[in-house]
Amino acid sequence: MDSMIVEVELAIERKALRDYFHKAGIKCLDCPAAEIETFRQGAHVHNIDFEAHLGALNDLARTNPFDPKSDAGYVSLPRRFGRWLLGRLQDKP
């Protein structure tokens, strides 16, 4: 619930996630805010039913797990995730 939105990109196959976001009218995929915004914050800001959204993402993760060998969107993820991770580590005391 309080994970960064970008983390879902490393749990769910890219096409399935893109299709889900498109059908739900969610524009988080590749959004710069996804690197610093949690699911709870995003749902609040965009007036999305948080519990339903979280359940759908968990279902997608179980049925369409991310596979770096076959996922065409994988090449952009390490750079984005790396920036996010570095930022998180720098924020630690």
Protein backbone atom coordinates (compact mmCIF):
# COMPACT_ATOMS: atom_id res chain seq x y z
CA MET A 1 0.00 0.00 0.00
CA ASP A 2 2.82 2.36 0.76
CA SER A 3 5.18 1.05 -1.90
CA MET A 4 6.30 3.35 -4.68
CA ILE A 5 4.24 2.97 -7.84
CA VAL A 6 7.37 2.26 -9.90
CA GLU A 7 7.89 -0.95 -7.90
CA VAL A 8 4.89 -2.58 -9.62
CA GLU A 9 6.79 -2.33 -12.91
CA LEU A 10 9.22 -4.90 -11.56
CA ALA A 11 6.46 -7.27 -10.43
CA ILE A 12 4.02 -7.40 -13.37
CA GLU A 13 4.59 -8.18 -17.03
CA ARG A 14 4.72 -4.89 -18.93
CA LYS A 15 1.94 -5.56 -21.47
CA ALA A 16 -0.50 -6.80 -18.82
CA LEU A 17 0.25 -3.78 -16.63
CA ARG A 18 -0.08 -1.36 -19.56
CA ASP A 19 -3.42 -2.94 -20.57
CA TYR A 20 -4.74 -2.76 -17.00
CA PHE A 21 -3.71 0.88 -16.57
CA HIS A 22 -5.22 1.79 -19.95
CA LYS A 23 -8.57 0.13 -19.19
CA ALA A 24 -8.67 1.75 -15.74
CA GLY A 25 -7.74 5.19 -17.11
CA ILE A 26 -4.59 5.26 -14.98
CA LYS A 27 -1.55 7.01 -16.43
CA CYS A 28 1.12 5.86 -13.94
CA LEU A 29 3.22 3.81 -16.35
CA ASP A 30 6.44 5.72 -17.10
CA CYS A 31 5.17 8.76 -15.18
CA PRO A 32 8.00 10.54 -13.31
CA ALA A 33 5.75 10.85 -10.24
CA ALA A 34 5.57 7.04 -10.08
CA GLU A 35 9.17 7.10 -8.88
CA ILE A 36 8.30 9.15 -5.78
CA GLU A 37 4.59 8.54 -5.21
CA THR A 38 3.10 5.61 -3.27
CA PHE A 39 -0.01 3.73 -4.35
CA ARG A 40 -1.93 5.26 -1.48
CA GLN A 41 -0.88 8.80 -2.49
CA GLY A 42 -1.64 8.19 -6.15
CA ALA A 43 -5.07 6.77 -5.41
CA HIS A 44 -5.87 9.75 -3.20
CA VAL A 45 -4.63 12.36 -5.68
CA HIS A 46 -6.39 10.75 -8.65
CA ASN A 47 -9.55 9.72 -6.76
CA ILE A 48 -9.10 5.99 -7.43
CA ASP A 49 -10.64 3.21 -5.31
CA PHE A 50 -7.44 2.17 -3.56
CA GLU A 51 -8.59 -1.24 -2.32
CA ALA A 52 -9.97 -2.31 -5.72
CA HIS A 53 -6.83 -1.07 -7.48
CA LEU A 54 -4.53 -2.87 -5.07
CA GLY A 55 -6.50 -6.12 -5.42
CA ALA A 56 -6.36 -5.92 -9.21
CA LEU A 57 -2.60 -5.31 -9.17
CA ASN A 58 -2.03 -8.23 -6.81
CA ASP A 59 -4.06 -10.46 -9.14
CA LEU A 60 -2.01 -9.27 -12.11
CA ALA A 61 1.25 -9.97 -10.27
CA ARG A 62 0.11 -13.54 -9.60
CA THR A 63 -1.15 -14.23 -13.13
CA ASN A 64 1.32 -12.13 -15.17
CA PRO A 65 4.65 -11.96 -13.32
CA PHE A 66 7.39 -9.76 -14.70
CA ASP A 67 9.96 -11.61 -16.84
CA PRO A 68 13.05 -9.54 -17.71
CA LYS A 69 14.00 -11.98 -20.48
CA SER A 70 10.83 -11.48 -22.50
CA ASP A 71 9.55 -8.07 -21.38
CA ALA A 72 10.15 -5.47 -24.09
CA GLY A 73 9.88 -2.61 -21.56
CA TYR A 74 12.64 -3.98 -19.35
CA VAL A 75 15.39 -1.83 -20.82
CA SER A 76 13.98 1.38 -19.34
CA LEU A 77 13.29 -0.02 -15.88
CA PRO A 78 16.76 -0.41 -14.37
CA ARG A 79 17.60 3.23 -15.09
CA ARG A 80 14.37 4.53 -13.54
CA PHE A 81 14.43 2.12 -10.64
CA GLY A 82 18.11 2.81 -10.07
CA ARG A 83 17.45 6.54 -9.79
CA TRP A 84 14.61 5.87 -7.36
CA LEU A 85 16.69 3.47 -5.26
CA LEU A 86 19.62 5.87 -5.14
CA GLY A 87 17.29 8.65 -4.01
CA ARG A 88 15.83 6.44 -1.30
CA LEU A 89 19.28 5.47 -0.04
CA GLN A 90 20.41 9.10 0.03
CA ASP A 91 17.38 10.01 2.12
CA LYS A 92 18.40 7.60 4.87
CA PRO A 93 20.19 9.12 7.91
